[in-house]
Amino acid sequence: MRLLFVRHAEMAGDPFVRPERPVRGCLSKKGILQAKALRKRLAGEKIDIVFSSSYGRAIQTAEIATAGRRIPIKIFEFLREWTPDRSLKNLPSTKYEEIERMNADRYAEQTWKTELGEGTFDMYARICPPFLKELEDLGVKAACGGFVPEKKARDISIAVFAHGGSLNTLISFILESRPFPVGRFSFRHTGVATMEFTEKKGVFHPSLVIE
């Protein structure tokens, strides 16, 4: 069992667009080159299925990175990035800037939930339970402090294409690192984090592979 966590390439256009496939115009020229370089990097990796955020930049990155490999790509709304309160755009610019300044002056411990949008625990509740459900549908059940895969799923390899915030939430959750308003992991565009699992008495326990 193996999980690859991949941040999207450099985006272009509307960050909230959820386009039909195949996706065009959601990555910059530089982003397309990044995604093609990622395809070469992943060429030797076993990938059975891709989970992707519903945002165009993640889907287009996944499509380019897996082109020609007949790997199914499943699109999930729950993998989208942190959601800002878009109604704030209707405020006068001075009021919005005041809210931003106020939050910039707070300690991290004071920013679990702010006026700017989705809170830390909101993200965990949105992302983690449905992710576990998708794993279970593939034959991998969270249990006994780790994961218990069915025989058919013991060698499964899943690539998750998403965003810095949503990837941080997932990795922290799986590694049982306590939730915190500031991300624990830094992803460059098309950065990849690999999670491998060690079996002990039928239970698979995760570890982050650093290369």
Foldseek 3Di string as FASTA:
>chain_A
DKEKEWEFFAFDDDQADQDDPPAPRGHDPRRLVLLLVLLVVCVPPDAQAEEEERTRRLNNSVCNSCPPPPHYYHYDPLQAAFDFPVCCVVPPPVVSVVQVVVVVPDDQVVPQDGNGGDGQVSSLVSHPPVVQVVVVVVQWHDDDLAIFGDPVCPPHYYYYYYHQHSSQSVVCVLLVPDTTSDRPDDADHGRMWMWAWDDDPRGTHIDIDDD
